[in-house]
N, C-alpha and C. Protein backbone atom coordinates (compact mmCIF):
# COMPACT_ATOMS: atom_id res chain seq x y z
N MET A 1 46.26 31.72 8.46
CA MET A 1 45.93 32.00 7.07
C MET A 1 44.62 32.78 7.00
N SER A 2 44.58 33.77 6.15
CA SER A 2 43.42 34.64 6.02
C SER A 2 42.33 33.98 5.17
N ASP A 3 41.08 34.33 5.46
CA ASP A 3 39.96 33.86 4.66
C ASP A 3 39.70 34.75 3.45
N ILE A 4 40.42 35.84 3.33
CA ILE A 4 40.22 36.77 2.22
C ILE A 4 40.55 36.06 0.91
N ARG A 5 39.70 36.29 -0.10
CA ARG A 5 39.89 35.71 -1.42
C ARG A 5 40.25 36.82 -2.41
N TYR A 6 40.99 36.45 -3.43
CA TYR A 6 41.36 37.41 -4.47
C TYR A 6 41.01 36.83 -5.83
N LEU A 7 40.40 37.65 -6.66
CA LEU A 7 40.11 37.31 -8.05
C LEU A 7 40.97 38.21 -8.91
N CYS A 8 41.72 37.64 -9.82
CA CYS A 8 42.55 38.48 -10.68
C CYS A 8 42.54 37.94 -12.10
N GLY A 9 42.82 38.83 -13.02
CA GLY A 9 42.83 38.47 -14.42
C GLY A 9 43.15 39.68 -15.27
N THR A 10 42.94 39.53 -16.55
CA THR A 10 43.23 40.60 -17.51
C THR A 10 42.03 40.79 -18.43
N LEU A 11 41.60 42.03 -18.57
CA LEU A 11 40.60 42.40 -19.56
C LEU A 11 41.38 42.90 -20.78
N GLU A 12 41.28 42.18 -21.88
CA GLU A 12 42.11 42.46 -23.04
C GLU A 12 41.49 43.42 -24.03
N VAL A 13 40.17 43.58 -23.96
CA VAL A 13 39.45 44.43 -24.91
C VAL A 13 38.55 45.38 -24.13
N ALA A 14 38.53 46.65 -24.53
CA ALA A 14 37.65 47.61 -23.88
C ALA A 14 36.20 47.13 -23.97
N SER A 15 35.44 47.33 -22.94
CA SER A 15 34.03 46.92 -22.81
C SER A 15 33.87 45.42 -22.64
N GLU A 16 34.96 44.68 -22.45
CA GLU A 16 34.86 43.24 -22.20
C GLU A 16 34.26 43.02 -20.81
N ARG A 17 33.18 42.26 -20.76
CA ARG A 17 32.52 41.96 -19.49
C ARG A 17 32.97 40.58 -19.05
N ARG A 18 33.55 40.52 -17.85
CA ARG A 18 34.06 39.25 -17.33
C ARG A 18 33.15 38.78 -16.19
N GLN A 19 32.66 37.56 -16.30
CA GLN A 19 31.84 36.95 -15.26
C GLN A 19 32.75 36.20 -14.30
N LEU A 20 32.59 36.48 -13.02
CA LEU A 20 33.39 35.85 -11.98
C LEU A 20 32.42 35.14 -11.03
N ILE A 21 32.39 33.84 -11.04
CA ILE A 21 31.46 33.08 -10.21
C ILE A 21 32.02 32.98 -8.79
N VAL A 22 31.22 33.35 -7.81
CA VAL A 22 31.63 33.21 -6.41
C VAL A 22 30.70 32.28 -5.65
N ASP A 23 29.66 31.77 -6.32
CA ASP A 23 28.65 30.92 -5.71
C ASP A 23 29.23 29.55 -5.36
N ASP A 24 29.09 29.16 -4.10
CA ASP A 24 29.54 27.83 -3.69
C ASP A 24 28.36 26.94 -3.32
N GLY A 25 27.13 27.39 -3.66
CA GLY A 25 25.94 26.59 -3.40
C GLY A 25 25.32 26.81 -2.03
N ARG A 26 25.99 27.57 -1.17
CA ARG A 26 25.46 27.83 0.17
C ARG A 26 24.92 29.25 0.21
N LEU A 27 23.61 29.40 0.38
CA LEU A 27 23.02 30.74 0.36
C LEU A 27 23.31 31.54 1.61
N THR A 28 23.86 30.92 2.63
CA THR A 28 24.21 31.67 3.84
C THR A 28 25.69 32.05 3.85
N HIS A 29 26.38 31.76 2.76
CA HIS A 29 27.81 32.06 2.64
C HIS A 29 28.01 33.04 1.49
N GLY A 30 28.41 34.26 1.82
CA GLY A 30 28.61 35.27 0.79
C GLY A 30 29.95 35.97 0.95
N PHE A 31 30.10 37.04 0.20
CA PHE A 31 31.33 37.81 0.23
C PHE A 31 31.01 39.29 0.21
N LEU A 32 31.87 40.07 0.85
CA LEU A 32 31.88 41.52 0.71
C LEU A 32 33.05 41.86 -0.20
N VAL A 33 32.81 42.76 -1.16
CA VAL A 33 33.91 43.25 -1.98
C VAL A 33 34.60 44.32 -1.13
N THR A 34 35.82 44.03 -0.71
CA THR A 34 36.52 44.93 0.20
C THR A 34 37.62 45.73 -0.50
N GLY A 35 37.82 45.48 -1.78
CA GLY A 35 38.77 46.27 -2.53
C GLY A 35 38.90 45.77 -3.96
N PHE A 36 39.29 46.66 -4.85
CA PHE A 36 39.60 46.25 -6.22
C PHE A 36 40.44 47.34 -6.87
N THR A 37 41.17 46.95 -7.87
CA THR A 37 41.95 47.91 -8.64
C THR A 37 42.19 47.38 -10.04
N LEU A 38 42.52 48.26 -10.94
CA LEU A 38 42.93 47.92 -12.30
C LEU A 38 44.23 48.64 -12.60
N TRP A 39 45.06 48.04 -13.45
CA TRP A 39 46.29 48.69 -13.86
C TRP A 39 46.67 48.17 -15.24
N PRO A 40 47.42 48.98 -16.00
CA PRO A 40 47.78 48.61 -17.36
C PRO A 40 48.70 47.40 -17.40
N THR A 41 48.57 46.59 -18.45
CA THR A 41 49.45 45.44 -18.63
C THR A 41 50.85 45.88 -19.07
N ASN A 42 50.93 46.99 -19.76
CA ASN A 42 52.23 47.53 -20.19
C ASN A 42 52.56 48.76 -19.35
N GLY A 43 53.77 48.80 -18.82
CA GLY A 43 54.17 49.89 -17.94
C GLY A 43 54.19 51.25 -18.59
N ASP A 44 54.33 51.32 -19.91
CA ASP A 44 54.39 52.62 -20.57
C ASP A 44 53.06 53.04 -21.19
N ASP A 45 52.00 52.28 -20.98
CA ASP A 45 50.67 52.67 -21.49
C ASP A 45 50.07 53.75 -20.61
N ILE A 46 49.42 54.72 -21.25
CA ILE A 46 48.74 55.80 -20.53
C ILE A 46 47.42 56.06 -21.23
N GLY A 47 46.36 56.26 -20.45
CA GLY A 47 45.06 56.57 -21.03
C GLY A 47 44.00 56.74 -19.95
N ASP A 48 42.81 57.05 -20.37
CA ASP A 48 41.67 57.19 -19.46
C ASP A 48 40.97 55.85 -19.33
N MET A 49 40.51 55.55 -18.12
CA MET A 49 39.78 54.30 -17.92
C MET A 49 38.73 54.48 -16.84
N ASP A 50 37.69 53.66 -16.94
CA ASP A 50 36.72 53.55 -15.86
C ASP A 50 36.16 52.14 -15.88
N CYS A 51 35.58 51.72 -14.76
CA CYS A 51 35.08 50.35 -14.68
C CYS A 51 33.91 50.27 -13.71
N VAL A 52 33.18 49.17 -13.83
CA VAL A 52 32.05 48.88 -12.96
C VAL A 52 32.17 47.43 -12.50
N VAL A 53 31.95 47.20 -11.20
CA VAL A 53 31.83 45.86 -10.64
C VAL A 53 30.37 45.68 -10.28
N SER A 54 29.77 44.57 -10.71
CA SER A 54 28.33 44.40 -10.62
C SER A 54 27.95 42.97 -10.25
N THR A 55 26.72 42.81 -9.73
CA THR A 55 26.21 41.49 -9.38
C THR A 55 25.48 40.81 -10.53
N THR A 56 25.25 41.51 -11.63
CA THR A 56 24.64 40.91 -12.82
C THR A 56 25.35 41.44 -14.06
N GLY A 57 25.23 40.69 -15.16
CA GLY A 57 25.79 41.14 -16.42
C GLY A 57 25.12 42.40 -16.92
N GLU A 58 23.82 42.51 -16.68
CA GLU A 58 23.08 43.69 -17.13
C GLU A 58 23.50 44.94 -16.37
N GLY A 59 23.99 44.80 -15.15
CA GLY A 59 24.43 45.94 -14.35
C GLY A 59 25.85 46.36 -14.65
N ALA A 60 26.60 45.52 -15.34
CA ALA A 60 28.00 45.82 -15.65
C ALA A 60 28.07 46.61 -16.95
N VAL A 61 27.63 47.86 -16.89
CA VAL A 61 27.55 48.72 -18.06
C VAL A 61 27.89 50.15 -17.66
N ARG A 62 28.09 50.98 -18.65
CA ARG A 62 28.17 52.41 -18.46
C ARG A 62 26.78 52.97 -18.60
N PRO A 63 26.45 54.06 -18.02
CA PRO A 63 27.23 54.85 -17.09
C PRO A 63 27.24 54.23 -15.69
N MET A 64 28.06 54.82 -14.83
CA MET A 64 28.14 54.38 -13.44
C MET A 64 26.97 55.00 -12.69
N TYR A 65 26.03 54.16 -12.25
CA TYR A 65 24.84 54.64 -11.55
C TYR A 65 24.87 54.21 -10.10
N GLY A 66 24.99 55.15 -9.19
CA GLY A 66 24.98 54.86 -7.77
C GLY A 66 23.66 54.29 -7.28
N GLU A 67 22.58 54.60 -7.98
CA GLU A 67 21.26 54.12 -7.56
C GLU A 67 20.97 52.69 -8.02
N ASP A 68 21.77 52.15 -8.91
CA ASP A 68 21.58 50.79 -9.40
C ASP A 68 22.18 49.82 -8.39
N THR A 69 21.35 49.06 -7.68
CA THR A 69 21.85 48.17 -6.63
C THR A 69 22.66 47.01 -7.18
N ARG A 70 22.62 46.78 -8.49
CA ARG A 70 23.46 45.74 -9.08
C ARG A 70 24.91 46.18 -9.16
N GLN A 71 25.14 47.48 -9.27
CA GLN A 71 26.49 48.00 -9.32
C GLN A 71 27.01 48.17 -7.90
N VAL A 72 28.10 47.46 -7.57
CA VAL A 72 28.61 47.47 -6.20
C VAL A 72 29.99 48.13 -6.09
N GLY A 73 30.60 48.45 -7.22
CA GLY A 73 31.89 49.12 -7.20
C GLY A 73 32.13 49.88 -8.49
N TRP A 74 32.85 51.00 -8.36
CA TRP A 74 33.15 51.85 -9.50
C TRP A 74 34.59 52.30 -9.40
N GLY A 75 35.22 52.49 -10.53
CA GLY A 75 36.59 52.99 -10.54
C GLY A 75 36.82 53.86 -11.75
N TYR A 76 37.73 54.82 -11.61
CA TYR A 76 38.05 55.68 -12.73
C TYR A 76 39.43 56.29 -12.53
N CYS A 77 40.04 56.65 -13.63
CA CYS A 77 41.33 57.32 -13.59
C CYS A 77 41.57 58.01 -14.92
N ALA A 78 41.83 59.31 -14.85
CA ALA A 78 42.23 60.05 -16.05
C ALA A 78 43.75 59.92 -16.17
N LEU A 79 44.22 59.66 -17.36
CA LEU A 79 45.64 59.47 -17.62
C LEU A 79 46.24 58.39 -16.73
N ALA A 80 45.55 57.26 -16.69
CA ALA A 80 46.00 56.12 -15.87
C ALA A 80 47.31 55.58 -16.40
N SER A 81 48.14 55.15 -15.48
CA SER A 81 49.41 54.50 -15.82
C SER A 81 49.82 53.64 -14.64
N GLN A 82 50.95 52.99 -14.74
CA GLN A 82 51.45 52.21 -13.61
C GLN A 82 51.69 53.12 -12.40
N ALA A 83 51.96 54.40 -12.64
CA ALA A 83 52.28 55.34 -11.55
C ALA A 83 51.05 56.10 -11.05
N ALA A 84 49.95 56.09 -11.79
CA ALA A 84 48.77 56.86 -11.40
C ALA A 84 47.65 55.89 -10.99
N PRO A 85 47.46 55.68 -9.70
CA PRO A 85 46.44 54.72 -9.25
C PRO A 85 45.03 55.22 -9.56
N MET A 86 44.12 54.27 -9.70
CA MET A 86 42.74 54.63 -9.97
C MET A 86 42.01 54.91 -8.66
N THR A 87 40.97 55.70 -8.75
CA THR A 87 40.08 55.95 -7.62
C THR A 87 39.00 54.88 -7.65
N THR A 88 38.77 54.22 -6.52
CA THR A 88 37.72 53.20 -6.44
C THR A 88 36.72 53.57 -5.36
N ILE A 89 35.48 53.21 -5.63
CA ILE A 89 34.37 53.45 -4.71
C ILE A 89 33.62 52.14 -4.57
N LEU A 90 33.31 51.75 -3.34
CA LEU A 90 32.61 50.49 -3.09
C LEU A 90 31.39 50.71 -2.22
N ARG A 91 30.35 49.90 -2.46
CA ARG A 91 29.26 49.82 -1.50
C ARG A 91 29.79 48.94 -0.37
N PRO A 92 30.01 49.50 0.81
CA PRO A 92 30.75 48.76 1.85
C PRO A 92 30.01 47.58 2.46
N THR A 93 28.70 47.52 2.35
CA THR A 93 27.96 46.42 2.99
C THR A 93 27.21 45.55 1.99
N GLU A 94 27.54 45.66 0.72
CA GLU A 94 26.85 44.88 -0.31
C GLU A 94 27.38 43.45 -0.32
N ILE A 95 26.51 42.49 -0.10
CA ILE A 95 26.89 41.08 -0.02
C ILE A 95 26.71 40.43 -1.38
N ILE A 96 27.71 39.67 -1.80
CA ILE A 96 27.67 38.95 -3.07
C ILE A 96 27.44 37.48 -2.76
N LEU A 97 26.38 36.90 -3.34
CA LEU A 97 26.07 35.48 -3.09
C LEU A 97 26.32 34.58 -4.29
N GLU A 98 26.08 35.06 -5.48
CA GLU A 98 26.13 34.18 -6.65
C GLU A 98 27.27 34.50 -7.61
N GLU A 99 27.20 35.64 -8.24
CA GLU A 99 28.20 35.95 -9.25
C GLU A 99 28.56 37.42 -9.19
N LEU A 100 29.68 37.71 -9.78
CA LEU A 100 30.22 39.05 -9.82
C LEU A 100 30.71 39.29 -11.23
N PHE A 101 30.55 40.51 -11.72
CA PHE A 101 31.00 40.88 -13.05
C PHE A 101 31.89 42.10 -12.95
N ILE A 102 32.86 42.18 -13.83
CA ILE A 102 33.65 43.39 -13.96
C ILE A 102 33.70 43.76 -15.44
N VAL A 103 33.60 45.05 -15.71
CA VAL A 103 33.72 45.56 -17.08
C VAL A 103 34.52 46.85 -16.99
N ALA A 104 35.40 47.05 -17.97
CA ALA A 104 36.21 48.26 -18.00
C ALA A 104 36.13 48.90 -19.37
N PHE A 105 36.23 50.21 -19.36
CA PHE A 105 36.18 51.00 -20.59
C PHE A 105 37.44 51.85 -20.63
N TRP A 106 38.08 51.91 -21.79
CA TRP A 106 39.27 52.73 -21.92
C TRP A 106 39.46 53.15 -23.36
N ASN A 107 40.33 54.15 -23.54
CA ASN A 107 40.64 54.59 -24.89
C ASN A 107 41.77 53.73 -25.44
N GLU A 108 42.25 54.06 -26.61
CA GLU A 108 43.25 53.22 -27.28
C GLU A 108 44.62 53.24 -26.60
N GLY A 109 44.77 53.92 -25.49
CA GLY A 109 46.06 54.02 -24.81
C GLY A 109 46.56 52.72 -24.20
N PHE A 110 45.69 51.75 -24.01
CA PHE A 110 46.10 50.49 -23.39
C PHE A 110 46.13 49.39 -24.45
N THR A 111 47.29 49.14 -24.98
CA THR A 111 47.42 48.26 -26.14
C THR A 111 47.12 46.80 -25.82
N ASN A 112 47.42 46.35 -24.62
CA ASN A 112 47.18 44.95 -24.25
C ASN A 112 46.18 44.81 -23.12
N GLY A 113 45.43 45.85 -22.83
CA GLY A 113 44.38 45.76 -21.84
C GLY A 113 44.78 46.16 -20.44
N LEU A 114 43.92 45.78 -19.50
CA LEU A 114 44.09 46.12 -18.10
C LEU A 114 44.01 44.87 -17.24
N ASN A 115 44.84 44.82 -16.22
CA ASN A 115 44.75 43.76 -15.21
C ASN A 115 43.78 44.20 -14.12
N TYR A 116 43.16 43.24 -13.46
CA TYR A 116 42.29 43.58 -12.33
C TYR A 116 42.61 42.67 -11.15
N LEU A 117 42.35 43.18 -9.96
CA LEU A 117 42.47 42.43 -8.72
C LEU A 117 41.30 42.84 -7.83
N ILE A 118 40.49 41.86 -7.44
CA ILE A 118 39.32 42.11 -6.60
C ILE A 118 39.52 41.34 -5.29
N GLU A 119 39.33 42.03 -4.18
CA GLU A 119 39.48 41.42 -2.85
C GLU A 119 38.09 41.13 -2.28
N LEU A 120 37.86 39.89 -1.85
CA LEU A 120 36.58 39.46 -1.29
C LEU A 120 36.79 38.94 0.13
N THR A 121 35.95 39.39 1.04
CA THR A 121 35.99 38.92 2.42
C THR A 121 34.75 38.08 2.68
N PRO A 122 34.89 36.83 3.14
CA PRO A 122 33.73 35.97 3.38
C PRO A 122 32.86 36.50 4.52
N ILE A 123 31.57 36.22 4.41
CA ILE A 123 30.61 36.61 5.43
C ILE A 123 29.53 35.54 5.51
N THR A 124 29.04 35.27 6.72
CA THR A 124 27.96 34.32 6.92
C THR A 124 26.70 35.09 7.29
N ILE A 125 25.59 34.75 6.64
CA ILE A 125 24.32 35.42 6.90
C ILE A 125 23.24 34.37 7.14
N SER A 126 22.07 34.83 7.62
CA SER A 126 20.95 33.92 7.88
C SER A 126 20.22 33.59 6.58
N ASP A 127 19.37 32.55 6.63
CA ASP A 127 18.57 32.18 5.46
C ASP A 127 17.65 33.32 5.03
N SER A 128 17.00 33.97 5.99
CA SER A 128 16.09 35.06 5.64
C SER A 128 16.84 36.24 5.04
N HIS A 129 18.02 36.53 5.56
CA HIS A 129 18.83 37.63 5.01
C HIS A 129 19.29 37.30 3.60
N SER A 130 19.60 36.03 3.34
CA SER A 130 20.07 35.65 2.00
C SER A 130 18.99 35.88 0.95
N ALA A 131 17.72 35.69 1.31
CA ALA A 131 16.63 35.96 0.37
C ALA A 131 16.60 37.44 -0.02
N LEU A 132 16.77 38.31 0.95
CA LEU A 132 16.80 39.75 0.67
C LEU A 132 18.01 40.13 -0.17
N VAL A 133 19.15 39.51 0.11
CA VAL A 133 20.36 39.79 -0.65
C VAL A 133 20.18 39.38 -2.11
N LEU A 134 19.59 38.22 -2.36
CA LEU A 134 19.37 37.76 -3.73
C LEU A 134 18.46 38.72 -4.50
N ILE A 135 17.41 39.20 -3.84
CA ILE A 135 16.51 40.16 -4.48
C ILE A 135 17.26 41.44 -4.80
N ASN A 136 18.04 41.95 -3.85
CA ASN A 136 18.79 43.18 -4.04
C ASN A 136 19.85 43.02 -5.13
N ASN A 137 20.55 41.88 -5.17
CA ASN A 137 21.58 41.65 -6.18
C ASN A 137 21.02 41.68 -7.59
N LYS A 138 19.75 41.35 -7.75
CA LYS A 138 19.12 41.37 -9.07
C LYS A 138 18.42 42.69 -9.35
N SER A 139 18.56 43.65 -8.41
CA SER A 139 17.97 44.98 -8.52
C SER A 139 16.45 44.93 -8.59
N GLN A 140 15.87 44.02 -7.83
CA GLN A 140 14.41 43.95 -7.76
C GLN A 140 13.93 44.80 -6.59
N ASP A 141 12.73 45.28 -6.68
CA ASP A 141 12.16 46.16 -5.66
C ASP A 141 11.81 45.37 -4.40
N LEU A 142 12.26 45.84 -3.25
CA LEU A 142 11.98 45.17 -1.99
C LEU A 142 10.69 45.64 -1.33
N SER A 143 10.02 46.65 -1.91
CA SER A 143 8.82 47.18 -1.24
C SER A 143 7.55 46.50 -1.68
C-alpha cells in the first residue's frame, strides 16, 4: 500500500478558499505536493479558470506570484472542460507541515463549481529543518 495521500473535494463558488489541514502534530512529518488538478462538476461546462495552492490563507489569492513562498502550486486553463486538462505548476521541493489552502477563480461557465484532487507524498525531516520550513511556509524572511 502506498503512503501517498489524496485530498479531494468541490469548490462550489468562485474565489472560495478551502482550508485543508495536514498537520498531525509531528513537526518532523510533512508532505510534498506532488500533483493536483481541477475539473468541472458538469461535463458540459466550459470556461476559464485558474487556481492557487498555498500554505496560508493569505497566500491563497490572485494574482499568482512565483516569488511568494506561501504559494506552492498554480493552475490555469482557458476554455476548461472535462476534455481540456489544466496546466499545473508546482514547487517541487516545498514541504507542507501544517495546513494547505486551495482557491480557484472562474467565470460563470461553471454552474456547480470545480472538483479538486491534490496528491501529497509524506516526507520525514529533522527538527532543525522543520523550523526553517515553518518560517518559509509563513513567507517570513530567512536572512
